[in-house]
Amino acid sequence: MALVHENLRLHITNDTFFVESVDKGNHELLAIDRVTGDISLKSNTDQIPPTVVESKLIFGIFGIIRLLSGPYLIVVTGRARVGDLLGHTVWRVTETEVLPYKKTTMHLNETQANDNRTYLSMLESTLRTPSYYFCTSFDITHTMQRLSNTDEDFHKESLYSRADQRFVWNGYVVRELLDRPELSRFVIPFLHGFIEISSCFINGRTFDFALISRRSGLRAGTRYFVRGIDSQGDVANFVETEQIVFYARNVCSFVQTRGSIPLHWSQRPNLKYKPKPELTEDRKIDLTALQRHLDSQLITYGKQVVINLIDHKGSELMLEQAFRASVKEIHSELVIYHAFDFHKECSRMRWHRLNILMDKVALDQEEFGYFMQQRDGSVITKQSGVFRTNCIDCLDRTNVVQSLTARRSLQRQMVQLGILTAEEKVEDQTDFEKMFKNVWADNADACAKQYAGTGALKTDFTRTGKRTKLGLLKDGLNSCIRYIKNNFSDGYRQDGIDLLLGNYVVSDEKTSPFYEQRQWQHTIGALILFFAFSMLLISLLIPATGILEQFVYVLFWAAITMATATYIVRHGVEFVNQPKLFQVKQKTE
C-alpha cells in the first residue's frame, strides 16, 4: 500500500488549489487558499466548486516556495517508471509545473517584476536538471542495510519523516506541509541523483540489478563555486552510491561514497582552463571540520577507506599533501588513506595499471564486505566500512574506480547467491557485463551533468573496458562545454540550487540582487576583443591589394586581439558569471 497518495488531480479555481486523491478506495482533498495561503484537509470531494478553471492529473506535490510576487505551488506533472524495488515502483520526474497563487504581478514595481521572473526562471531551470526520483511506498533515500536496522516505530512514521534528510531535495519547499501531520499523505521526499533497475538472466536464473546514487543536498552546488568542506563537516558533491542485487527474495548490497576533498579549499573560475586551487592556511579550522566529517561518516558507514585519485604534481599536489597530512594528524585506526596518481599511472592508455590500486585495497574490501539479507529477513552479513573515493571533482576518475570495486563485490555476491559458480566470472557473462558497464557509465553521466554541466569523461573505459580515440575526442568536446558552462552559466545554476534548497530566501529587498555594476572597461574590453578578432579573420580571409599591406593588417589586428585577450584573462574573475544570490546570502550572515 502506498504511504502517500500516488495519483492526484489538481483542480484550479480563481481562489483555491484543490488537490484530490484519486487512489482507489482512498479519497482525500487538500485545499490551498490562493489568497490567504491557508492549507486545510477537506472531508470529501463534494466540496470542489463547479467553478473550476483548470483540472489536470498530477503525481505529487514537490513543494511551495515564496518569491517576490507571493507563493508558488510546485507540482509533478510528468513521470517515467524506472523499475521496482522489492515490489515498490520507483519513478523519475520528467516534468514539473510552478503555479502562482496570485493571478497577476501588478502589485510589483518594474524592478521587482523583472526579479520575480528571474527567480522563477532559475527555479524552473533547477527543476529541469536531471534526475529527480520518488517512490510512494518505499524509502529510496536509505540503503538496504539501514532499512534492515529499523524497528516498528520507524515504519509508523510518515514517508517523509523517516527519510534520510541528507538526500531529500525538497525539504525546504515542503516545510509548510510538514507542520500538519494529517497532511503527510501528500508529502513525498524527492531524491536527486541516479537510479537504474534492470532485470537480468544468467545460468537460467533471473534476478534484478539496481544502482542508486543519492546526491546530498548539504553543501550542494556547481563544480567551481562549491568545493571542499564547510564548518559542519559537509563536503561538496557528496554522493552515496549503492549497488543492489535481488534474487529469489534475497538481497545483496554494496555501498560506496564520494565527496570533495574534506578541507577548506576553493577553485573559483577565472576564464583559465584550470583555475589554481587555493587552500586555507588555518590548520586548526581544517582539522576540526575534517574530524566532524570523518566522525559522521564513521557513525553512518563504519570504517573509512579513503581513495584519493588526484595528481601528485602541479596544482593538485598541494591538496594531496594537505589531505594526507590531515588524515595522519587525525590518527584514527578506522580511517585508511590510499593515494593513487590516476593520471600518471594510467597515462598513454595504460589502464591496466588500475589493478595496482585494486590490489592495494583488496584486503580492506574483503574485511568490510557487503550486506546480505535472506528471504526470511535474517541478515547474513553486514558491510562494516566503505570506500570514500575522490578525485578533484569526484566525477570521472572517481566513477571509474567505483565501478571496479563494485564489480569485485558483485562477483562475490553472485557466487554466494548461487547465480555463478566459483569458477565463473562476472566479466565473462557477455550480456550482463555490457549492461553493468552501461549502467555505471550512465551513473557517471548523471552525476557529472548535475555538478559540472556535461556528461562524464572517461566513460568509454567504463562502457567498454578500454580507452579509445573516439572516447578521447568525446572527452575533449565535453571539456570544452564544461569550460564554457563553468565560466559563463554556472553562477546562474548555483543561484537556482540555492533558491530551491533554501540557502537563499527571497525577501522584499530594496536593492535588486541581480543588479550588476561592472566597470565600464570590462564591457568595452569584451567588445574590443570581439571586434578585433573579427577584423583579424577578415584580414586573413579577404586578400588586400598587396601582400605587405595584408601582412600589416593581420599583424595589427592580431596585436589588438592578443593585448585585449591578455587584459581579459588577467581580470578573468570580472568576466565570469558569478552567483548573485549566494553573494547576498554571504553578506547577510
Protein backbone atom coordinates (compact mmCIF):
# COMPACT_ATOMS: atom_id res chain seq x y z
CA MET A 1 0.00 0.00 0.00
CA ALA A 2 1.28 3.47 -0.88
CA LEU A 3 2.41 5.53 2.11
CA VAL A 4 1.48 8.69 0.22
CA HIS A 5 -1.07 9.36 -2.48
CA GLU A 6 0.22 8.06 -5.79
CA ASN A 7 -2.26 9.70 -8.15
CA LEU A 8 -3.68 13.15 -7.65
CA ARG A 9 -5.87 15.53 -9.57
CA LEU A 10 -5.30 19.24 -9.29
CA HIS A 11 -8.38 21.45 -9.62
CA ILE A 12 -7.64 25.15 -10.01
CA THR A 13 -10.21 27.81 -9.21
CA ASN A 14 -9.74 31.56 -9.02
CA ASP A 15 -9.13 31.47 -5.27
CA THR A 16 -8.14 27.87 -4.37
CA PHE A 17 -5.95 24.96 -5.41
CA PHE A 18 -7.79 21.68 -4.72
CA VAL A 19 -5.57 18.58 -4.70
CA GLU A 20 -7.76 15.48 -4.86
CA SER A 21 -6.56 11.94 -4.20
CA VAL A 22 -7.80 9.63 -6.95
CA ASP A 23 -6.27 6.46 -5.49
CA LYS A 24 -8.75 3.60 -5.39
CA GLY A 25 -10.53 3.44 -2.04
CA ASN A 26 -8.59 6.34 -0.56
CA HIS A 27 -10.08 9.78 -1.22
CA GLU A 28 -8.80 12.92 0.46
CA LEU A 29 -8.98 16.55 -0.59
CA LEU A 30 -6.29 19.12 0.13
CA ALA A 31 -7.33 22.76 -0.23
CA ILE A 32 -4.77 25.56 -0.60
CA ASP A 33 -6.24 29.06 -0.40
CA ARG A 34 -4.59 31.20 -3.09
CA VAL A 35 -5.47 34.42 -1.24
CA THR A 36 -4.59 33.69 2.40
CA GLY A 37 -2.21 30.76 1.86
CA ASP A 38 -4.13 28.61 4.36
CA ILE A 39 -3.89 24.85 3.86
CA SER A 40 -6.67 22.53 5.02
CA LEU A 41 -7.82 18.95 4.60
CA LYS A 42 -11.42 18.58 3.46
CA SER A 43 -13.57 15.64 4.40
CA ASN A 44 -14.88 14.83 0.92
CA THR A 45 -14.51 15.73 -2.72
CA ASP A 46 -18.01 17.19 -2.92
CA GLN A 47 -16.50 20.46 -1.70
CA ILE A 48 -14.84 21.12 -5.06
CA PRO A 49 -16.88 24.02 -6.52
CA PRO A 50 -18.20 23.85 -10.08
CA THR A 51 -16.21 26.99 -10.99
CA VAL A 52 -13.05 25.04 -11.79
CA VAL A 53 -10.87 26.89 -14.27
CA GLU A 54 -8.50 24.02 -14.97
CA SER A 55 -8.16 20.39 -13.91
CA LYS A 56 -5.16 18.12 -14.50
CA LEU A 57 -3.64 14.85 -13.32
CA ILE A 58 -0.51 15.27 -11.19
CA PHE A 59 1.76 12.76 -9.47
CA GLY A 60 2.88 14.63 -6.40
CA ILE A 61 3.40 17.96 -4.69
CA PHE A 62 7.08 18.94 -4.84
CA GLY A 63 6.53 21.88 -2.51
CA ILE A 64 5.65 25.54 -2.04
CA ILE A 65 8.10 28.40 -2.47
CA ARG A 66 7.69 32.13 -1.89
CA LEU A 67 9.02 34.55 -4.49
CA LEU A 68 8.52 38.32 -4.72
CA SER A 69 5.01 38.08 -6.15
CA GLY A 70 3.91 35.60 -3.48
CA PRO A 71 3.80 31.81 -3.01
CA TYR A 72 4.08 29.28 -5.87
CA LEU A 73 2.89 25.67 -5.84
CA ILE A 74 5.33 23.20 -7.44
CA VAL A 75 3.69 20.01 -8.73
CA VAL A 76 4.93 16.97 -10.66
CA THR A 77 3.06 16.70 -13.96
CA GLY A 78 5.15 14.00 -15.66
CA ARG A 79 6.85 10.82 -14.55
CA ALA A 80 8.59 7.78 -16.05
CA ARG A 81 8.72 4.34 -14.47
CA VAL A 82 12.27 3.31 -13.57
CA GLY A 83 11.50 -0.15 -12.19
CA ASP A 84 10.58 -1.95 -8.99
CA LEU A 85 12.49 -2.34 -5.72
CA LEU A 86 11.11 -5.25 -3.70
CA GLY A 87 7.76 -4.77 -5.42
CA HIS A 88 7.67 -0.99 -4.99
CA THR A 89 7.62 1.15 -8.13
CA VAL A 90 10.25 3.87 -8.45
CA TRP A 91 9.52 6.90 -10.63
CA ARG A 92 11.68 9.53 -12.30
CA VAL A 93 10.30 13.05 -12.58
CA THR A 94 10.03 14.11 -16.23
CA GLU A 95 8.08 17.33 -15.89
CA THR A 96 7.12 19.84 -13.22
CA GLU A 97 4.97 22.95 -13.18
CA VAL A 98 5.30 26.03 -10.99
CA LEU A 99 1.88 27.64 -10.36
CA PRO A 100 1.47 31.13 -8.84
CA TYR A 101 -1.03 31.74 -6.07
CA LYS A 102 -1.62 35.28 -7.32
CA LYS A 103 -3.09 35.74 -10.77
CA THR A 104 -1.09 38.90 -11.51
CA THR A 105 2.16 40.68 -10.66
CA MET A 106 0.63 44.14 -10.97
CA HIS A 107 1.39 44.78 -7.27
CA LEU A 108 5.13 44.71 -8.07
CA ASN A 109 7.14 47.58 -9.46
CA GLU A 110 9.11 47.08 -12.67
CA THR A 111 12.34 46.03 -10.93
CA GLN A 112 10.52 43.58 -8.65
CA ALA A 113 8.62 42.09 -11.58
CA ASN A 114 11.86 41.55 -13.50
CA ASP A 115 13.50 39.98 -10.44
CA ASN A 116 10.48 37.73 -9.90
CA ARG A 117 10.75 36.46 -13.48
CA THR A 118 14.45 35.77 -12.90
CA TYR A 119 13.74 33.83 -9.69
CA LEU A 120 11.05 31.83 -11.47
CA SER A 121 13.32 31.06 -14.41
CA MET A 122 16.09 29.92 -12.04
CA LEU A 123 13.70 27.66 -10.15
CA GLU A 124 12.28 26.08 -13.30
CA SER A 125 15.78 25.53 -14.69
CA THR A 126 16.88 23.75 -11.49
CA LEU A 127 13.79 21.57 -11.52
CA ARG A 128 14.59 20.56 -15.12
CA THR A 129 18.03 19.33 -14.09
CA PRO A 130 18.05 15.52 -14.40
CA SER A 131 17.26 13.50 -12.39
CA TYR A 132 14.74 13.60 -9.51
CA TYR A 133 13.23 10.36 -8.26
CA PHE A 134 10.46 9.33 -5.88
CA CYS A 135 8.58 6.30 -4.60
CA THR A 136 5.24 6.42 -2.81
CA SER A 137 5.64 3.22 -0.80
CA PHE A 138 9.36 2.64 -0.18
CA ASP A 139 12.30 4.54 1.34
CA ILE A 140 14.68 5.10 -1.57
CA THR A 141 16.76 7.56 0.49
CA HIS A 142 18.04 4.72 2.71
CA THR A 143 20.40 1.84 1.96
CA MET A 144 19.19 -1.72 2.34
CA GLN A 145 21.38 -2.17 5.40
CA ARG A 146 19.98 0.91 7.15
CA LEU A 147 16.44 -0.26 6.44
CA SER A 148 17.22 -3.67 7.93
CA ASN A 149 18.13 -1.99 11.23
CA THR A 150 14.80 -0.20 11.63
CA ASP A 151 12.13 -1.02 14.20
CA GLU A 152 8.33 -0.81 14.29
CA ASP A 153 8.36 2.85 15.36
CA PHE A 154 10.28 3.72 12.19
CA HIS A 155 7.60 2.20 9.99
CA LYS A 156 4.86 4.09 11.85
CA GLU A 157 6.37 7.39 10.76
CA SER A 158 5.35 9.14 7.56
CA LEU A 159 7.37 8.52 4.42
CA TYR A 160 8.94 11.98 4.62
CA SER A 161 9.75 11.82 8.36
CA ARG A 162 11.60 8.54 8.02
CA ALA A 163 13.68 9.66 5.01
CA ASP A 164 17.42 10.35 5.24
CA GLN A 165 17.30 14.14 5.17
CA ARG A 166 20.75 14.40 3.58
CA PHE A 167 19.26 13.17 0.33
CA VAL A 168 15.88 14.93 0.35
CA TRP A 169 15.92 17.77 -2.17
CA ASN A 170 12.50 19.28 -1.47
CA GLY A 171 12.92 19.63 2.29
CA TYR A 172 12.84 23.43 2.25
CA VAL A 173 9.86 23.78 -0.07
CA VAL A 174 7.59 21.30 1.79
CA ARG A 175 8.08 22.84 5.22
CA GLU A 176 4.56 24.41 5.15
CA LEU A 177 3.03 20.95 4.73
CA LEU A 178 5.18 19.33 7.43
CA ASP A 179 3.58 21.35 10.25
CA ARG A 180 0.37 19.38 9.80
CA PRO A 181 0.76 15.61 10.46
CA GLU A 182 -2.62 14.92 8.87
CA LEU A 183 -1.20 16.12 5.53
CA SER A 184 1.58 13.53 5.50
CA ARG A 185 -0.01 11.50 2.70
CA PHE A 186 0.51 14.48 0.39
CA VAL A 187 4.22 14.88 1.21
CA ILE A 188 6.75 12.97 -0.90
CA PRO A 189 10.54 13.06 -0.35
CA PHE A 190 12.32 13.59 -3.68
CA LEU A 191 15.80 12.19 -4.25
CA HIS A 192 18.28 13.75 -6.69
CA GLY A 193 20.93 11.58 -8.32
CA PHE A 194 20.60 8.42 -10.37
CA ILE A 195 18.56 5.19 -10.25
CA GLU A 196 18.63 2.33 -12.75
CA ILE A 197 16.90 -1.03 -12.25
CA SER A 198 17.45 -3.89 -14.71
CA SER A 199 16.10 -7.42 -14.94
CA CYS A 200 18.93 -9.87 -15.69
CA PHE A 201 19.29 -13.51 -16.70
CA ILE A 202 22.38 -15.71 -16.06
CA ASN A 203 22.62 -19.52 -15.98
CA GLY A 204 18.84 -19.92 -16.09
CA ARG A 205 18.39 -17.61 -13.09
CA THR A 206 16.52 -14.32 -13.21
CA PHE A 207 17.43 -11.52 -10.82
CA ASP A 208 17.24 -7.72 -10.57
CA PHE A 209 20.26 -5.42 -10.59
CA ALA A 210 19.90 -1.87 -9.25
CA LEU A 211 22.26 1.08 -8.95
CA ILE A 212 21.23 4.06 -6.81
CA SER A 213 23.25 7.26 -6.38
CA ARG A 214 21.93 9.66 -3.76
CA ARG A 215 23.22 13.22 -4.09
CA SER A 216 23.39 15.15 -0.84
CA GLY A 217 21.55 18.47 -0.57
CA LEU A 218 24.05 19.63 2.05
CA ARG A 219 26.71 21.88 0.53
CA ALA A 220 25.23 21.27 -2.91
CA GLY A 221 26.20 23.34 -5.90
CA THR A 222 28.13 23.57 -9.11
CA ARG A 223 31.65 22.43 -9.88
CA TYR A 224 33.80 25.50 -9.20
CA PHE A 225 31.55 27.51 -6.89
CA VAL A 226 31.22 24.77 -4.25
CA ARG A 227 34.40 22.94 -3.29
CA GLY A 228 35.80 21.32 -0.15
CA ILE A 229 34.18 21.27 3.26
CA ASP A 230 32.15 23.62 5.47
CA SER A 231 32.38 24.14 9.22
CA GLN A 232 29.70 21.47 9.84
CA GLY A 233 31.76 18.78 8.11
CA ASP A 234 29.60 18.60 4.96
CA VAL A 235 31.51 18.31 1.69
CA ALA A 236 30.70 19.39 -1.85
CA ASN A 237 29.33 16.82 -4.30
CA PHE A 238 28.78 14.13 -1.68
CA VAL A 239 27.11 11.11 -3.26
CA GLU A 240 26.20 7.77 -1.70
CA THR A 241 26.10 5.00 -4.33
CA GLU A 242 24.50 1.64 -3.61
CA GLN A 243 24.67 -1.38 -5.88
CA ILE A 244 21.95 -3.96 -5.15
CA VAL A 245 21.16 -7.49 -6.35
CA PHE A 246 17.70 -9.01 -5.71
CA TYR A 247 17.47 -12.76 -6.26
CA ALA A 248 14.76 -15.13 -5.00
CA ARG A 249 13.86 -12.58 -2.30
CA ASN A 250 17.49 -12.47 -1.15
CA VAL A 251 19.12 -9.01 -1.11
CA CYS A 252 22.79 -8.13 -1.52
CA SER A 253 24.02 -4.56 -1.30
CA PHE A 254 27.36 -2.77 -1.62
CA VAL A 255 27.69 0.92 -0.69
CA GLN A 256 30.36 3.46 -1.62
CA THR A 257 30.63 7.21 -1.13
CA ARG A 258 32.30 10.07 -2.95
CA GLY A 259 32.84 13.66 -1.91
CA SER A 260 35.09 16.65 -2.36
CA ILE A 261 38.45 16.69 -0.55
CA PRO A 262 37.33 17.45 3.03
CA LEU A 263 39.49 20.53 3.61
CA HIS A 264 38.75 24.24 3.28
CA TRP A 265 39.76 24.96 -0.29
CA SER A 266 38.38 26.78 -3.30
CA GLN A 267 38.89 26.91 -7.06
CA ARG A 268 36.98 29.91 -8.35
CA PRO A 269 36.54 30.23 -12.14
CA ASN A 270 38.61 32.99 -13.74
CA LEU A 271 38.50 32.18 -17.51
CA LYS A 272 41.57 29.96 -17.24
CA TYR A 273 41.03 26.38 -18.36
CA LYS A 274 42.01 25.05 -14.95
CA PRO A 275 41.94 27.63 -12.13
CA LYS A 276 44.51 27.09 -9.42
CA PRO A 277 43.08 25.57 -6.21
CA GLU A 278 43.59 27.64 -3.07
CA LEU A 279 43.86 26.07 0.37
CA THR A 280 43.14 27.85 3.65
CA GLU A 281 46.16 28.41 5.86
CA ASP A 282 44.22 27.88 9.10
CA ARG A 283 45.21 24.33 10.03
CA LYS A 284 43.08 24.22 13.17
CA ILE A 285 39.85 25.03 11.29
CA ASP A 286 40.68 22.42 8.65
CA LEU A 287 41.27 19.66 11.18
CA THR A 288 38.11 20.47 13.14
CA ALA A 289 35.95 20.28 10.02
CA LEU A 290 37.70 17.11 8.82
CA GLN A 291 37.18 15.48 12.21
CA ARG A 292 33.46 16.28 12.08
CA HIS A 293 33.21 14.88 8.56
CA LEU A 294 35.01 11.65 9.40
CA ASP A 295 33.10 11.20 12.66
CA SER A 296 29.76 11.43 10.84
CA GLN A 297 30.97 9.03 8.16
CA LEU A 298 32.24 6.53 10.73
CA ILE A 299 28.91 6.60 12.56
CA THR A 300 26.91 6.16 9.36
CA TYR A 301 29.10 3.76 7.37
CA GLY A 302 31.81 2.33 9.62
CA LYS A 303 35.47 2.09 8.60
CA GLN A 304 36.59 4.67 6.03
CA VAL A 305 38.97 3.60 3.28
CA VAL A 306 39.86 6.89 1.62
CA ILE A 307 40.96 6.62 -2.01
CA ASN A 308 42.44 9.87 -3.29
CA LEU A 309 42.91 9.91 -7.08
CA ILE A 310 44.25 13.43 -7.65
CA ASP A 311 47.58 14.23 -9.31
CA HIS A 312 50.82 14.17 -7.33
CA LYS A 313 52.21 17.13 -9.24
CA GLY A 314 51.12 20.58 -10.34
CA SER A 315 48.27 22.40 -8.64
CA GLU A 316 46.69 19.22 -7.24
CA LEU A 317 49.84 18.18 -5.36
CA MET A 318 49.18 20.75 -2.62
CA LEU A 319 45.76 19.24 -1.95
CA GLU A 320 47.08 15.68 -1.86
CA GLN A 321 49.82 16.57 0.61
CA ALA A 322 47.43 18.53 2.85
CA PHE A 323 44.81 15.75 2.80
CA ARG A 324 47.40 13.07 3.59
CA ALA A 325 48.88 15.12 6.45
CA SER A 326 45.44 15.93 7.89
CA VAL A 327 44.31 12.30 7.93
CA LYS A 328 47.59 11.38 9.63
CA GLU A 329 47.03 14.04 12.30
CA ILE A 330 43.52 12.75 12.97
CA HIS A 331 45.21 9.42 13.74
CA SER A 332 42.26 7.04 13.61
CA GLU A 333 42.69 3.32 13.07
CA LEU A 334 39.30 3.34 11.35
CA VAL A 335 40.45 5.72 8.60
CA ILE A 336 42.82 4.27 5.97
CA TYR A 337 44.32 6.58 3.34
CA HIS A 338 45.33 5.41 -0.14
CA ALA A 339 46.75 7.85 -2.70
CA PHE A 340 46.82 6.85 -6.36
CA ASP A 341 48.00 9.26 -9.04
CA PHE A 342 45.40 8.25 -11.60
CA HIS A 343 46.64 10.37 -14.49
CA LYS A 344 50.27 9.37 -14.07
CA GLU A 345 49.63 5.66 -13.60
CA CYS A 346 47.09 5.39 -16.44
CA SER A 347 48.75 7.75 -18.92
CA ARG A 348 49.34 6.63 -22.52
CA MET A 349 46.34 4.25 -22.35
CA ARG A 350 47.88 2.11 -19.58
CA TRP A 351 44.51 1.49 -17.95
CA HIS A 352 45.53 -1.98 -16.84
CA ARG A 353 47.56 -0.25 -14.11
CA LEU A 354 44.34 0.32 -12.21
CA ASN A 355 44.96 -3.23 -11.00
CA ILE A 356 47.71 -1.76 -8.80
CA LEU A 357 45.07 0.18 -6.87
CA MET A 358 42.64 -2.74 -6.85
CA ASP A 359 45.30 -5.00 -5.34
CA LYS A 360 46.17 -2.34 -2.77
CA VAL A 361 42.59 -2.08 -1.45
CA ALA A 362 41.65 -5.76 -1.82
CA LEU A 363 42.21 -6.64 1.85
CA ASP A 364 40.22 -3.63 3.01
CA GLN A 365 37.29 -4.62 0.79
CA GLU A 366 37.43 -8.20 1.98
CA GLU A 367 37.45 -7.00 5.58
CA PHE A 368 34.34 -4.79 5.48
CA GLY A 369 32.46 -6.99 2.99
CA TYR A 370 28.88 -6.30 1.90
CA PHE A 371 25.31 -6.53 3.16
CA MET A 372 23.27 -9.69 2.59
CA GLN A 373 19.75 -10.47 3.77
CA GLN A 374 17.98 -13.79 3.22
CA ARG A 375 14.41 -14.20 2.06
CA ASP A 376 13.19 -14.76 5.64
CA GLY A 377 14.55 -11.37 6.69
CA SER A 378 17.59 -12.67 8.54
CA VAL A 379 20.82 -10.75 7.93
CA ILE A 380 23.78 -12.96 7.00
CA THR A 381 26.48 -10.31 6.63
CA LYS A 382 26.76 -6.57 7.13
CA GLN A 383 29.03 -4.05 5.45
CA SER A 384 31.27 -2.59 8.15
CA GLY A 385 33.04 0.09 6.10
CA VAL A 386 33.07 1.91 2.79
CA PHE A 387 35.41 3.24 0.15
CA ARG A 388 35.30 7.04 0.23
CA THR A 389 36.66 7.92 -3.20
CA ASN A 390 37.53 11.30 -4.64
CA CYS A 391 39.41 13.00 -7.44
CA ILE A 392 39.40 16.77 -7.90
CA ASP A 393 35.73 16.81 -8.99
CA CYS A 394 34.58 13.41 -7.62
CA LEU A 395 33.23 12.63 -11.08
CA ASP A 396 35.28 10.99 -13.83
CA ARG A 397 38.23 9.21 -12.21
CA THR A 398 36.09 8.51 -9.16
CA ASN A 399 33.36 6.73 -11.11
CA VAL A 400 35.88 4.54 -12.96
CA VAL A 401 37.36 3.28 -9.69
CA GLN A 402 33.98 2.86 -8.01
CA SER A 403 32.77 0.67 -10.88
CA LEU A 404 35.81 -1.59 -10.45
CA THR A 405 35.35 -2.07 -6.70
CA ALA A 406 31.62 -2.61 -7.28
CA ARG A 407 32.34 -5.38 -9.81
CA ARG A 408 34.65 -7.13 -7.35
CA SER A 409 31.95 -7.08 -4.68
CA LEU A 410 29.36 -8.24 -7.21
CA GLN A 411 31.50 -11.25 -8.11
CA ARG A 412 31.49 -12.48 -4.52
CA GLN A 413 27.78 -11.78 -4.07
CA MET A 414 26.71 -13.68 -7.18
CA VAL A 415 28.77 -16.69 -6.20
CA GLN A 416 27.29 -16.68 -2.70
CA LEU A 417 23.77 -16.34 -4.14
CA GLY A 418 24.40 -19.30 -6.45
CA ILE A 419 23.94 -17.32 -9.64
CA LEU A 420 27.55 -18.01 -10.63
CA THR A 421 29.80 -20.93 -9.79
CA ALA A 422 33.12 -20.31 -8.06
CA GLU A 423 34.93 -20.76 -11.38
CA GLU A 424 32.76 -18.30 -13.35
CA LYS A 425 33.48 -14.58 -13.66
CA VAL A 426 31.08 -11.66 -13.98
CA GLU A 427 33.05 -10.23 -16.90
CA ASP A 428 32.55 -13.47 -18.86
CA GLN A 429 28.75 -13.03 -18.85
CA THR A 430 28.58 -11.03 -22.07
CA ASP A 431 25.06 -9.57 -21.89
CA PHE A 432 25.21 -8.86 -18.18
CA GLU A 433 28.68 -7.32 -18.40
CA LYS A 434 27.50 -4.96 -21.14
CA MET A 435 24.52 -3.89 -19.03
CA PHE A 436 26.72 -3.46 -15.94
CA LYS A 437 29.20 -1.21 -17.73
CA ASN A 438 26.50 0.91 -19.34
CA VAL A 439 24.65 1.43 -16.06
CA TRP A 440 27.81 2.62 -14.33
CA ALA A 441 28.63 4.89 -17.27
CA ASP A 442 25.08 6.30 -17.18
CA ASN A 443 25.56 6.89 -13.46
CA ALA A 444 28.74 8.84 -14.23
CA ASP A 445 26.95 10.96 -16.82
CA ALA A 446 24.05 11.77 -14.48
CA CYS A 447 26.30 12.83 -11.57
CA ALA A 448 28.51 14.87 -13.90
CA LYS A 449 25.60 16.71 -15.52
CA GLN A 450 24.26 17.71 -12.10
CA TYR A 451 27.62 19.01 -10.85
CA ALA A 452 29.71 20.02 -13.87
CA GLY A 453 27.03 20.58 -16.51
CA THR A 454 28.11 17.88 -19.00
CA GLY A 455 28.35 14.12 -19.23
CA ALA A 456 31.30 12.43 -17.54
CA LEU A 457 34.75 11.95 -19.03
CA LYS A 458 36.42 8.55 -19.44
CA THR A 459 33.07 6.74 -19.81
CA ASP A 460 34.41 4.86 -22.84
CA PHE A 461 36.54 2.84 -20.39
CA THR A 462 33.55 2.26 -18.12
CA ARG A 463 31.38 1.16 -21.04
CA THR A 464 33.92 -0.96 -22.96
CA GLY A 465 36.74 -1.73 -20.52
CA LYS A 466 39.30 0.11 -22.65
CA ARG A 467 40.25 3.64 -23.62
CA THR A 468 39.53 4.63 -27.25
CA LYS A 469 40.48 7.50 -29.55
CA LEU A 470 36.79 8.24 -30.07
CA GLY A 471 36.43 8.44 -26.29
CA LEU A 472 39.31 10.92 -26.15
CA LEU A 473 37.61 13.11 -28.77
CA LYS A 474 34.33 12.97 -26.86
CA ASP A 475 36.16 13.91 -23.66
CA GLY A 476 37.72 16.87 -25.47
CA LEU A 477 34.28 18.10 -26.57
CA ASN A 478 32.83 17.66 -23.08
CA SER A 479 35.81 19.50 -21.59
CA CYS A 480 35.17 22.46 -23.91
CA ILE A 481 31.48 22.52 -22.99
CA ARG A 482 32.39 22.32 -19.29
CA TYR A 483 34.74 25.27 -19.70
CA ILE A 484 32.01 27.40 -21.27
CA LYS A 485 29.34 26.43 -18.74
CA ASN A 486 31.61 26.70 -15.69
CA ASN A 487 32.69 30.21 -16.67
CA PHE A 488 29.57 31.68 -18.26
CA SER A 489 26.47 29.98 -16.81
CA ASP A 490 27.30 28.25 -13.52
CA GLY A 491 26.66 31.34 -11.41
CA TYR A 492 23.06 31.22 -12.59
CA ARG A 493 22.88 27.45 -11.93
CA GLN A 494 24.31 27.95 -8.43
CA ASP A 495 21.67 30.57 -7.65
CA GLY A 496 18.93 28.18 -8.77
CA ILE A 497 20.21 25.44 -6.46
CA ASP A 498 20.49 27.84 -3.51
CA LEU A 499 16.95 29.05 -4.19
CA LEU A 500 15.43 25.55 -4.30
CA LEU A 501 17.28 24.31 -1.20
CA GLY A 502 16.52 27.40 0.86
CA ASN A 503 20.13 28.54 1.14
CA TYR A 504 18.82 31.85 -0.09
CA VAL A 505 15.37 33.09 0.96
CA VAL A 506 13.60 35.66 -1.20
CA SER A 507 12.62 38.82 0.66
CA ASP A 508 11.47 42.30 -0.31
CA GLU A 509 14.96 43.60 -0.97
CA LYS A 510 15.26 47.33 -1.54
CA THR A 511 18.09 46.68 -3.97
CA SER A 512 17.82 44.00 -6.63
CA PRO A 513 20.33 41.17 -6.04
CA PHE A 514 20.63 40.88 -9.81
CA TYR A 515 21.80 44.46 -10.27
CA GLU A 516 25.34 44.17 -11.54
CA GLN A 517 27.62 47.20 -11.54
CA ARG A 518 30.53 46.18 -13.71
CA GLN A 519 33.27 48.62 -14.50
CA TRP A 520 32.78 50.11 -17.96
CA GLN A 521 36.22 48.97 -19.12
CA HIS A 522 35.22 45.30 -18.75
CA THR A 523 32.27 45.68 -21.12
CA ILE A 524 34.38 47.71 -23.52
CA GLY A 525 37.14 45.09 -23.32
CA ALA A 526 34.80 42.29 -24.37
CA LEU A 527 33.50 44.34 -27.28
CA ILE A 528 37.00 45.26 -28.43
CA LEU A 529 38.08 41.59 -28.32
CA PHE A 530 35.10 40.54 -30.43
CA PHE A 531 35.67 43.34 -32.95
CA ALA A 532 39.45 42.84 -33.14
CA PHE A 533 39.13 39.07 -33.62
CA SER A 534 36.50 39.60 -36.33
CA MET A 535 38.78 42.04 -38.14
CA LEU A 536 41.67 39.58 -37.84
CA LEU A 537 39.59 36.88 -39.54
CA ILE A 538 38.55 39.30 -42.26
CA SER A 539 42.18 40.32 -42.82
CA LEU A 540 43.18 36.68 -43.17
CA LEU A 541 40.33 35.66 -45.47
CA ILE A 542 39.94 38.69 -47.74
CA PRO A 543 43.02 39.45 -49.90
CA ALA A 544 44.37 43.01 -49.79
CA THR A 545 45.84 44.91 -52.77
CA GLY A 546 49.31 43.74 -51.76
CA ILE A 547 50.93 41.08 -49.61
CA LEU A 548 52.71 43.66 -47.44
CA GLU A 549 49.50 45.59 -46.84
CA GLN A 550 47.65 42.41 -45.83
CA PHE A 551 50.51 41.41 -43.54
CA VAL A 552 50.30 44.80 -41.77
CA TYR A 553 46.54 44.43 -41.33
CA VAL A 554 46.92 40.90 -39.92
CA LEU A 555 49.74 41.96 -37.61
CA PHE A 556 47.83 44.99 -36.35
CA TRP A 557 44.60 43.17 -35.55
CA ALA A 558 46.47 40.17 -34.11
CA ALA A 559 48.27 42.57 -31.74
CA ILE A 560 45.00 44.21 -30.69
CA THR A 561 43.40 40.78 -30.20
CA MET A 562 46.30 39.49 -28.10
CA ALA A 563 46.51 42.65 -25.98
CA THR A 564 42.78 42.63 -25.27
CA ALA A 565 42.73 38.88 -24.55
CA THR A 566 45.65 39.29 -22.13
CA TYR A 567 43.78 42.05 -20.29
CA ILE A 568 40.61 39.95 -20.06
CA VAL A 569 42.44 36.85 -18.80
CA ARG A 570 44.32 38.94 -16.24
CA HIS A 571 40.97 40.24 -14.93
CA GLY A 572 39.16 36.97 -15.64
CA VAL A 573 37.10 36.88 -12.43
CA GLU A 574 35.28 40.03 -13.55
CA PHE A 575 34.07 38.33 -16.74
CA VAL A 576 32.85 35.10 -15.13
CA ASN A 577 29.14 34.52 -14.49
CA GLN A 578 29.13 34.81 -10.69
CA PRO A 579 26.33 33.74 -8.33
CA LYS A 580 24.25 36.74 -7.23
CA LEU A 581 22.10 35.20 -4.51
CA PHE A 582 24.98 33.38 -2.85
CA GLN A 583 26.91 36.63 -2.55
CA VAL A 584 23.92 38.37 -0.96
CA LYS A 585 23.50 35.47 1.46
CA GLN A 586 27.15 35.67 2.47
CA LYS A 587 26.88 39.38 3.20
CA THR A 588 23.88 38.91 5.47
CA GLU A 589 25.33 36.12 7.59
